[in-house]
Amino acid sequence: MMKTSAFKAAYGFNRDEARLGNWRAAPWNVWAFRHVSEFIPTARIAATPGLIEDPVVDPEDLLRQKFSLNGERITVAEALRETSTDAMVVMKSGRIVADVHAPDFTLQSRHILFSTSKSVTSIVAGILRDDGLLDFDELVPRYVPELKFSVYGDARVRDVLDMRVSLDFEEVYHDPHGPYARYRRAGLLDPCEPGEEPETVVAFIAGLKKGQGDHGGVYHYASPNSDVLGLIIQGASGQRFPDLASERLFQPLGARQDAYVTVDRAGTPRTGGGINMTPRDLARIGEMMRQGGVANGRRIVSQAWVHDTITGGSSKAWSESTSASWLPQGRYHNKWYQTGTSNDAFFALGIHGQWLYVDPRAEMVIAKFSSQPDAIVDDAKDFNLALFDALAKIA
C-alpha cells in the first residue's frame, strides 16, 4: 500500500482526513470508496477458495488510442482522467485485455458499487426464481411480512424489480436534511444528526408513503426498492443475503477476492447500494451475463432469465419517466438498463461513476470504478457511453 506521504503527493490530501461525515465528497472519496469497511459495518461475501488472480494486463497500448468525442480527438487516458476513473477492466471475447489502475489501486482493492449493487442483487433474485422459491408476480408481504401494512403491501415483486412501485420518495443527493438523507442515516452511511433517534432501514422503508397512481406504472427510480429486494431474497430463501450471494453467485463465478456489503444497525444488508468488490470480479459477472448465465462451464442463472433481463421490460414505463431524456431508447428491467441501440448493449450503473457495461455484439465487457465529485451528471453518463462505444472498436 502506498505510504501516506506518497498518497498525499498523488492526490493532494491525507487519507486519514476521510471520515463518515465526508467520505462521499471530493477529494476524500478517492480513498474512501476503496475503504468503505473502515467507516460502515459490513458483512462478508466469500469468494471461491484457493483461486489466485492472474497478473495485471498492461493497458498502455489501449490508453494511447484516440477516439472522437464532440468533434475532438482524445485519448482513452484523457477520457479516463476526465471521468475520475479509479479502475477499469476491459474484457474481449472472455479475455481480459486491459487493467487500468489509479495510484494505490491494486488487484485486491475493493471499491463500492453504489447502485450497480442493485443489478448484482437481481441476479440472486433470478437464481431463486429458477429454483421455484421466488415468484415475481407475488405481493411483497408473502416474503417480507413486516411490510404488509406499508406502501409495499400491494406491490408485486415485479414492481420492485422494475422500479415501478408508486412511491412518494425522491433521491435528492445533495439535500442534507430531506428523506433521502434520512434514508442514508438509517443505513449508517452518514452520522446521525444531533438528538436524532436512530432507526433501521426496515423501519425507514415501512414508513414510506404511496405516490400518485398505482404500482406497475411509470418507471420511478427509488433505491429503497432494492433494499426491499434484498429482504425479499432473504425471506424467500431463508438465508442471509451475503451468504446466499456467496454460495450461489460469487463462488460459482470464480470470484478471486471476497466482496462485502454494508449493513445497518440491525444487520440488514444494503443491497440497494452497499456491495463492494474488485473490478475484475465485477467484470466476471458481466461476462457471465454476456454468456447467458454461464461461467466456467457452470450454469449460474437460467438463460431465460438473462434473456428476459436484457431484452424485456416496458418501453412505455421508461419513455414516460424523467430518465428518458438521457437514454431515449432505453428500458429498465430486473434492475438492469438497456440502451435500446443497435449493439444491444446493457449495463448496471451507480452514482459517482460506477459501471458494468456489456456489448454483446462486440463481445466486450467493461467494469469501471470512479470517484466523480458529483453523484449524478448526465453529461458524464453520456461521456462514458461514448467511451464504451469507442472501446468496442479499438480494444
Protein backbone atom coordinates (compact mmCIF):
# COMPACT_ATOMS: atom_id res chain seq x y z
CA MET A 1 0.00 0.00 0.00
CA MET A 2 1.20 3.49 -0.82
CA LYS A 3 2.65 5.39 2.15
CA THR A 4 0.60 8.30 3.49
CA SER A 5 3.11 10.87 2.23
CA ALA A 6 3.15 9.33 -1.25
CA PHE A 7 -0.64 9.20 -1.27
CA LYS A 8 -0.82 12.92 -0.44
CA ALA A 9 1.65 13.67 -3.22
CA ALA A 10 -0.51 11.75 -5.69
CA TYR A 11 -3.92 13.02 -4.57
CA GLY A 12 -3.35 16.23 -2.62
CA PHE A 13 -4.82 15.19 0.75
CA ASN A 14 -4.07 12.90 3.67
CA ARG A 15 -6.18 9.76 3.56
CA ASP A 16 -6.69 9.90 7.33
CA GLU A 17 -8.79 13.04 6.73
CA ALA A 18 -11.57 10.86 5.31
CA ARG A 19 -14.34 10.04 7.76
CA LEU A 20 -18.05 9.16 7.86
CA GLY A 21 -19.08 12.80 7.54
CA ASN A 22 -17.20 13.45 4.29
CA TRP A 23 -16.46 10.06 2.69
CA ARG A 24 -18.61 10.63 -0.41
CA ALA A 25 -17.27 14.15 -1.05
CA ALA A 26 -14.25 15.04 -3.17
CA PRO A 27 -11.36 14.70 -2.66
CA TRP A 28 -11.76 12.21 0.19
CA ASN A 29 -13.96 9.88 -1.85
CA VAL A 30 -10.92 8.82 -3.91
CA TRP A 31 -9.64 6.91 -0.89
CA ALA A 32 -12.90 6.24 0.91
CA PHE A 33 -14.62 4.45 -1.99
CA ARG A 34 -11.92 1.76 -1.68
CA HIS A 35 -12.10 1.52 2.12
CA VAL A 36 -15.81 1.65 2.94
CA SER A 37 -15.48 -1.02 5.64
CA GLU A 38 -13.43 1.44 7.71
CA PHE A 39 -16.49 3.71 8.04
CA ILE A 40 -19.52 1.42 7.91
CA PRO A 41 -20.21 -2.09 9.29
CA THR A 42 -20.17 -4.80 6.63
CA ALA A 43 -20.89 -8.48 6.03
CA ARG A 44 -18.55 -10.71 4.04
CA ILE A 45 -19.47 -12.25 0.68
CA ALA A 46 -16.92 -15.05 0.41
CA ALA A 47 -15.04 -15.66 -2.84
CA THR A 48 -14.03 -19.02 -4.29
CA PRO A 49 -11.36 -20.53 -2.00
CA GLY A 50 -7.88 -21.07 -3.39
CA LEU A 51 -8.11 -19.06 -6.62
CA ILE A 52 -5.31 -16.60 -7.39
CA GLU A 53 -5.54 -13.62 -9.72
CA ASP A 54 -3.53 -13.57 -12.93
CA PRO A 55 -1.02 -10.70 -13.30
CA VAL A 56 -2.11 -7.21 -14.34
CA VAL A 57 -2.65 -6.80 -18.08
CA ASP A 58 -0.71 -3.75 -19.29
CA PRO A 59 -3.16 -1.08 -20.52
CA GLU A 60 -0.65 1.30 -22.11
CA ASP A 61 -1.45 0.48 -25.75
CA LEU A 62 -5.14 0.99 -25.10
CA LEU A 63 -4.61 4.22 -23.14
CA ARG A 64 -2.80 5.77 -26.13
CA GLN A 65 -5.62 5.02 -28.54
CA LYS A 66 -7.66 8.01 -29.74
CA PHE A 67 -11.35 8.37 -30.47
CA SER A 68 -13.67 11.21 -31.48
CA LEU A 69 -15.87 12.93 -28.94
CA ASN A 70 -17.91 16.04 -29.72
CA GLY A 71 -15.74 16.76 -32.74
CA GLU A 72 -12.44 16.42 -30.88
CA ARG A 73 -9.89 13.61 -30.85
CA ILE A 74 -8.91 12.49 -27.35
CA THR A 75 -7.00 9.54 -25.95
CA VAL A 76 -8.55 6.86 -23.79
CA ALA A 77 -6.23 8.02 -20.98
CA GLU A 78 -7.61 11.55 -21.24
CA ALA A 79 -11.17 10.22 -21.16
CA LEU A 80 -10.43 8.22 -18.01
CA ARG A 81 -8.93 11.25 -16.27
CA GLU A 82 -11.93 13.35 -17.30
CA THR A 83 -14.27 10.84 -15.64
CA SER A 84 -12.26 10.48 -12.39
CA THR A 85 -11.53 6.82 -13.03
CA ASP A 86 -10.17 4.69 -10.19
CA ALA A 87 -10.02 1.41 -12.11
CA MET A 88 -11.23 -0.15 -15.34
CA VAL A 89 -11.16 -3.71 -16.66
CA VAL A 90 -11.81 -4.39 -20.33
CA MET A 91 -12.68 -7.91 -21.49
CA LYS A 92 -12.99 -9.01 -25.12
CA SER A 93 -14.30 -12.44 -26.06
CA GLY A 94 -13.92 -13.61 -22.47
CA ARG A 95 -10.32 -12.47 -22.05
CA ILE A 96 -9.03 -9.52 -20.01
CA VAL A 97 -7.25 -7.19 -22.43
CA ALA A 98 -6.52 -4.23 -20.12
CA ASP A 99 -6.38 -3.38 -16.41
CA VAL A 100 -6.34 0.33 -15.61
CA HIS A 101 -5.47 1.26 -12.03
CA ALA A 102 -5.15 4.71 -10.45
CA PRO A 103 -2.33 5.16 -7.90
CA ASP A 104 -2.74 2.92 -4.83
CA PHE A 105 -5.31 0.72 -6.58
CA THR A 106 -4.35 -2.97 -6.83
CA LEU A 107 -5.87 -6.26 -7.97
CA GLN A 108 -7.01 -6.75 -4.38
CA SER A 109 -8.65 -3.32 -3.99
CA ARG A 110 -12.40 -3.47 -3.44
CA HIS A 111 -14.48 -0.47 -4.45
CA ILE A 112 -18.07 0.41 -3.63
CA LEU A 113 -20.52 -0.30 -6.45
CA PHE A 114 -23.24 2.04 -5.22
CA SER A 115 -26.32 1.27 -7.34
CA THR A 116 -24.53 -1.24 -9.53
CA SER A 117 -25.23 -3.34 -6.42
CA LYS A 118 -28.88 -3.43 -7.49
CA SER A 119 -28.05 -5.33 -10.67
CA VAL A 120 -25.86 -7.83 -8.81
CA THR A 121 -28.65 -8.37 -6.28
CA SER A 122 -31.17 -9.00 -9.06
CA ILE A 123 -29.11 -11.96 -10.31
CA VAL A 124 -29.59 -13.61 -6.92
CA ALA A 125 -33.33 -12.99 -7.27
CA GLY A 126 -33.19 -14.63 -10.71
CA ILE A 127 -31.48 -17.67 -9.21
CA LEU A 128 -34.24 -18.03 -6.61
CA ARG A 129 -36.85 -17.72 -9.33
CA ASP A 130 -35.13 -20.53 -11.23
CA ASP A 131 -35.26 -22.60 -8.03
CA GLY A 132 -39.00 -22.04 -7.74
CA LEU A 133 -38.55 -20.19 -4.44
CA LEU A 134 -39.47 -16.72 -5.69
CA ASP A 135 -42.49 -15.71 -7.75
CA PHE A 136 -42.12 -12.27 -9.31
CA ASP A 137 -45.90 -11.92 -9.57
CA GLU A 138 -46.45 -12.39 -5.83
CA LEU A 139 -47.03 -9.46 -3.48
CA VAL A 140 -44.07 -8.34 -1.40
CA PRO A 141 -45.56 -9.30 2.02
CA ARG A 142 -45.52 -13.01 1.07
CA TYR A 143 -41.74 -12.80 1.56
CA VAL A 144 -41.49 -9.78 3.88
CA PRO A 145 -44.48 -9.91 6.26
CA GLU A 146 -43.29 -6.86 8.20
CA LEU A 147 -44.10 -4.71 5.13
CA LYS A 148 -47.74 -5.91 4.92
CA PHE A 149 -49.16 -2.60 6.10
CA SER A 150 -46.63 -0.42 4.27
CA VAL A 151 -46.68 1.08 0.79
CA TYR A 152 -45.27 -2.25 -0.39
CA GLY A 153 -48.29 -4.16 0.92
CA ASP A 154 -49.97 -4.26 -2.51
CA ALA A 155 -46.81 -4.09 -4.66
CA ARG A 156 -45.59 -7.10 -6.63
CA VAL A 157 -42.03 -8.33 -6.60
CA ARG A 158 -42.01 -7.42 -10.30
CA ASP A 159 -42.80 -3.78 -9.44
CA VAL A 160 -39.82 -3.75 -7.06
CA LEU A 161 -37.51 -5.25 -9.70
CA ASP A 162 -38.52 -2.77 -12.41
CA MET A 163 -38.69 0.38 -10.26
CA ARG A 164 -42.41 0.67 -10.87
CA VAL A 165 -43.52 0.99 -7.26
CA SER A 166 -45.67 4.08 -6.74
CA LEU A 167 -43.60 5.73 -4.04
CA ASP A 168 -43.53 9.23 -2.59
CA PHE A 169 -39.74 9.38 -2.47
CA GLU A 170 -37.16 11.37 -4.42
CA GLU A 171 -33.41 10.76 -4.45
CA VAL A 172 -32.05 14.24 -3.77
CA TYR A 173 -28.39 13.55 -3.16
CA HIS A 174 -27.30 16.98 -2.01
CA ASP A 175 -30.08 17.77 0.48
CA PRO A 176 -28.62 17.05 3.94
CA HIS A 177 -31.99 17.14 5.71
CA GLY A 178 -34.54 15.53 3.36
CA PRO A 179 -35.94 11.97 3.22
CA TYR A 180 -33.00 10.68 1.20
CA ALA A 181 -30.55 11.94 3.83
CA ARG A 182 -32.63 10.21 6.50
CA TYR A 183 -32.51 7.02 4.42
CA ARG A 184 -28.70 7.27 4.29
CA ARG A 185 -28.50 7.71 8.05
CA ALA A 186 -30.73 4.66 8.57
CA GLY A 187 -28.20 2.69 6.52
CA LEU A 188 -25.29 4.11 8.61
CA LEU A 189 -23.94 5.93 5.55
CA ASP A 190 -23.97 9.27 7.37
CA PRO A 191 -23.63 10.21 11.05
CA CYS A 192 -26.87 10.79 12.96
CA GLU A 193 -28.00 14.36 13.41
CA PRO A 194 -27.88 15.79 16.97
CA GLY A 195 -30.75 14.47 19.07
CA GLU A 196 -31.99 12.18 16.29
CA GLU A 197 -33.45 8.82 17.29
CA PRO A 198 -31.59 6.10 15.35
CA GLU A 199 -33.70 3.97 13.01
CA THR A 200 -33.14 0.90 10.88
CA VAL A 201 -33.51 0.58 7.12
CA VAL A 202 -36.60 -1.60 7.56
CA ALA A 203 -38.22 0.95 9.87
CA PHE A 204 -37.50 3.72 7.38
CA ILE A 205 -38.91 1.72 4.46
CA ALA A 206 -42.03 0.74 6.42
CA GLY A 207 -42.83 4.43 6.93
CA LEU A 208 -42.69 5.43 3.25
CA LYS A 209 -45.88 6.73 1.63
CA LYS A 210 -47.50 5.87 -1.67
CA GLY A 211 -47.12 8.21 -4.61
CA GLN A 212 -49.69 9.21 -7.20
CA GLY A 213 -51.04 6.37 -9.31
CA ASP A 214 -50.97 2.61 -8.97
CA HIS A 215 -48.00 0.31 -8.72
CA GLY A 216 -46.83 -1.00 -12.08
CA GLY A 217 -46.98 2.38 -13.81
CA VAL A 218 -44.18 4.70 -14.86
CA TYR A 219 -40.54 3.94 -14.05
CA HIS A 220 -39.60 5.79 -10.85
CA TYR A 221 -36.09 5.28 -9.55
CA ALA A 222 -36.00 4.79 -5.78
CA SER A 223 -33.17 2.98 -4.02
CA PRO A 224 -35.31 1.67 -1.10
CA ASN A 225 -36.94 -0.68 -3.62
CA SER A 226 -33.65 -2.52 -3.97
CA ASP A 227 -33.19 -2.88 -0.22
CA VAL A 228 -36.68 -4.37 -0.24
CA LEU A 229 -35.45 -6.81 -2.90
CA GLY A 230 -32.72 -7.92 -0.51
CA LEU A 231 -35.37 -8.53 2.17
CA ILE A 232 -37.46 -10.47 -0.36
CA ILE A 233 -34.44 -12.64 -1.21
CA GLN A 234 -33.80 -13.38 2.45
CA GLY A 235 -37.45 -14.19 3.08
CA ALA A 236 -37.75 -16.45 0.04
CA SER A 237 -34.52 -18.33 0.69
CA GLY A 238 -34.33 -18.39 4.48
CA GLN A 239 -30.68 -17.31 4.19
CA ARG A 240 -28.79 -14.10 4.83
CA PHE A 241 -28.17 -12.29 1.57
CA PRO A 242 -24.35 -12.24 1.80
CA ASP A 243 -24.22 -15.99 2.48
CA LEU A 244 -26.59 -16.79 -0.38
CA ALA A 245 -24.80 -14.44 -2.79
CA SER A 246 -21.51 -16.15 -1.94
CA GLU A 247 -22.87 -19.69 -2.31
CA ARG A 248 -24.92 -19.18 -5.50
CA LEU A 249 -23.16 -16.35 -7.36
CA PHE A 250 -19.66 -15.37 -6.24
CA GLN A 251 -18.17 -18.83 -5.65
CA PRO A 252 -19.61 -20.50 -8.79
CA LEU A 253 -18.47 -17.42 -10.72
CA GLY A 254 -14.87 -17.98 -9.62
CA ALA A 255 -14.57 -14.67 -7.75
CA ARG A 256 -10.97 -14.22 -6.63
CA GLN A 257 -11.45 -11.74 -3.78
CA ASP A 258 -14.04 -11.62 -1.01
CA ALA A 259 -16.66 -8.94 -1.55
CA TYR A 260 -18.65 -7.31 1.22
CA VAL A 261 -21.93 -5.48 1.69
CA THR A 262 -22.67 -2.71 4.15
CA VAL A 263 -25.28 -3.42 6.84
CA ASP A 264 -27.37 -1.27 9.15
CA ARG A 265 -27.52 -1.46 12.95
CA ALA A 266 -29.88 -4.45 12.71
CA GLY A 267 -27.61 -6.28 10.26
CA THR A 268 -29.85 -5.64 7.23
CA PRO A 269 -27.71 -5.65 4.06
CA ARG A 270 -27.80 -2.54 1.87
CA THR A 271 -28.49 -4.44 -1.34
CA GLY A 272 -29.55 -1.18 -2.96
CA GLY A 273 -26.05 0.28 -2.96
CA GLY A 274 -23.67 -1.26 -0.44
CA ILE A 275 -21.80 -4.03 -2.29
CA ASN A 276 -18.01 -3.63 -2.55
CA MET A 277 -15.82 -5.79 -4.78
CA THR A 278 -12.87 -5.80 -7.19
CA PRO A 279 -13.25 -4.60 -10.77
CA ARG A 280 -12.13 -7.95 -12.18
CA ASP A 281 -14.76 -9.86 -10.22
CA LEU A 282 -17.40 -7.37 -11.34
CA ALA A 283 -16.25 -7.88 -14.94
CA ARG A 284 -16.66 -11.63 -14.42
CA ILE A 285 -20.31 -11.01 -13.51
CA GLY A 286 -20.72 -9.05 -16.75
CA GLU A 287 -19.10 -11.86 -18.74
CA MET A 288 -21.45 -14.38 -17.10
CA MET A 289 -24.39 -12.23 -18.23
CA ARG A 290 -22.90 -11.98 -21.74
CA GLN A 291 -22.66 -15.77 -21.82
CA GLY A 292 -26.33 -16.16 -20.97
CA GLY A 293 -25.88 -17.08 -17.30
CA VAL A 294 -22.88 -19.45 -17.58
CA ALA A 295 -19.41 -19.09 -16.04
CA ASN A 296 -16.57 -21.62 -16.00
CA GLY A 297 -18.81 -24.08 -17.83
CA ARG A 298 -21.32 -23.95 -14.98
CA ARG A 299 -24.82 -22.51 -15.18
CA ILE A 300 -25.40 -19.87 -12.51
CA VAL A 301 -28.74 -18.40 -13.61
CA SER A 302 -31.05 -19.51 -16.39
CA GLN A 303 -30.62 -18.32 -19.95
CA ALA A 304 -34.33 -17.47 -19.95
CA TRP A 305 -33.87 -15.07 -17.03
CA VAL A 306 -30.85 -13.39 -18.66
CA HIS A 307 -32.65 -13.07 -22.00
CA ASP A 308 -35.68 -11.53 -20.31
CA THR A 309 -33.47 -9.16 -18.32
CA ILE A 310 -31.58 -7.79 -21.32
CA THR A 311 -34.47 -7.65 -23.79
CA GLY A 312 -37.71 -7.34 -21.78
CA GLY A 313 -39.31 -4.53 -19.84
CA SER A 314 -41.68 -1.72 -20.71
CA SER A 315 -40.55 0.94 -23.17
CA LYS A 316 -43.63 2.96 -22.21
CA ALA A 317 -42.77 2.94 -18.49
CA TRP A 318 -39.31 4.28 -19.34
CA SER A 319 -40.30 6.79 -22.03
CA GLU A 320 -42.82 8.45 -19.71
CA SER A 321 -40.21 8.89 -16.96
CA THR A 322 -37.76 11.74 -16.42
CA SER A 323 -34.87 9.35 -17.15
CA ALA A 324 -35.77 9.10 -20.83
CA SER A 325 -34.00 12.39 -21.52
CA TRP A 326 -30.52 10.82 -21.20
CA LEU A 327 -31.32 7.38 -22.64
CA PRO A 328 -34.12 7.99 -25.16
CA GLN A 329 -34.41 4.43 -26.47
CA GLY A 330 -33.71 2.78 -23.14
CA ARG A 331 -35.56 0.38 -20.88
CA TYR A 332 -35.07 -0.80 -17.31
CA HIS A 333 -35.83 -4.39 -16.38
CA ASN A 334 -34.79 -6.62 -13.47
CA LYS A 335 -32.58 -3.75 -12.27
CA TRP A 336 -30.51 -3.63 -15.47
CA TYR A 337 -30.53 -0.84 -18.07
CA GLN A 338 -30.85 -1.49 -21.79
CA THR A 339 -29.52 1.10 -24.25
CA GLY A 340 -32.01 0.19 -26.98
CA THR A 341 -29.30 0.82 -29.59
CA SER A 342 -28.15 -1.43 -32.43
CA ASN A 343 -25.40 -3.10 -30.39
CA ASP A 344 -27.97 -4.44 -27.87
CA ALA A 345 -25.78 -3.18 -25.01
CA PHE A 346 -26.98 -3.37 -21.43
CA PHE A 347 -25.45 -2.11 -18.22
CA ALA A 348 -25.52 -1.54 -14.48
CA LEU A 349 -24.89 1.96 -13.16
CA GLY A 350 -24.05 3.54 -9.81
CA ILE A 351 -23.60 7.11 -8.62
CA HIS A 352 -20.18 8.77 -8.84
CA GLY A 353 -19.41 6.76 -11.99
CA GLN A 354 -19.68 3.02 -11.28
CA TRP A 355 -20.39 0.93 -14.40
CA LEU A 356 -20.73 -2.62 -15.60
CA TYR A 357 -21.27 -2.38 -19.36
CA VAL A 358 -21.86 -5.31 -21.71
CA ASP A 359 -21.77 -5.03 -25.50
CA PRO A 360 -22.81 -8.46 -26.82
CA ARG A 361 -22.11 -7.70 -30.47
CA ALA A 362 -18.53 -6.60 -29.72
CA GLU A 363 -18.14 -9.46 -27.19
CA MET A 364 -16.97 -6.80 -24.75
CA VAL A 365 -17.43 -6.30 -21.01
CA ILE A 366 -16.23 -3.20 -19.12
CA ALA A 367 -16.15 -2.77 -15.35
CA LYS A 368 -15.34 0.82 -14.41
CA PHE A 369 -14.99 2.36 -10.95
CA SER A 370 -14.78 6.10 -10.44
CA SER A 371 -14.75 8.80 -7.81
CA GLN A 372 -16.56 11.54 -9.72
CA PRO A 373 -17.10 14.55 -7.45
CA ASP A 374 -20.84 14.73 -8.19
CA ALA A 375 -23.23 11.84 -7.63
CA ILE A 376 -25.18 12.24 -10.88
CA VAL A 377 -24.18 14.15 -14.01
CA ASP A 378 -25.96 13.28 -17.26
CA ASP A 379 -23.05 14.64 -19.32
CA ALA A 380 -20.69 12.26 -17.53
CA LYS A 381 -23.01 9.33 -18.31
CA ASP A 382 -23.07 10.34 -21.99
CA PHE A 383 -19.26 10.70 -21.93
CA ASN A 384 -18.84 7.20 -20.52
CA LEU A 385 -21.23 5.65 -23.02
CA ALA A 386 -19.28 7.30 -25.85
CA LEU A 387 -16.05 5.93 -24.39
CA PHE A 388 -17.50 2.42 -24.20
CA ASP A 389 -18.67 2.61 -27.83
CA ALA A 390 -15.12 3.63 -28.81
CA LEU A 391 -13.57 0.83 -26.79
CA ALA A 392 -15.74 -1.69 -28.62
CA LYS A 393 -13.92 -0.67 -31.81
CA ILE A 394 -10.36 -0.15 -30.58
CA ALA A 395 -9.82 -2.54 -27.65
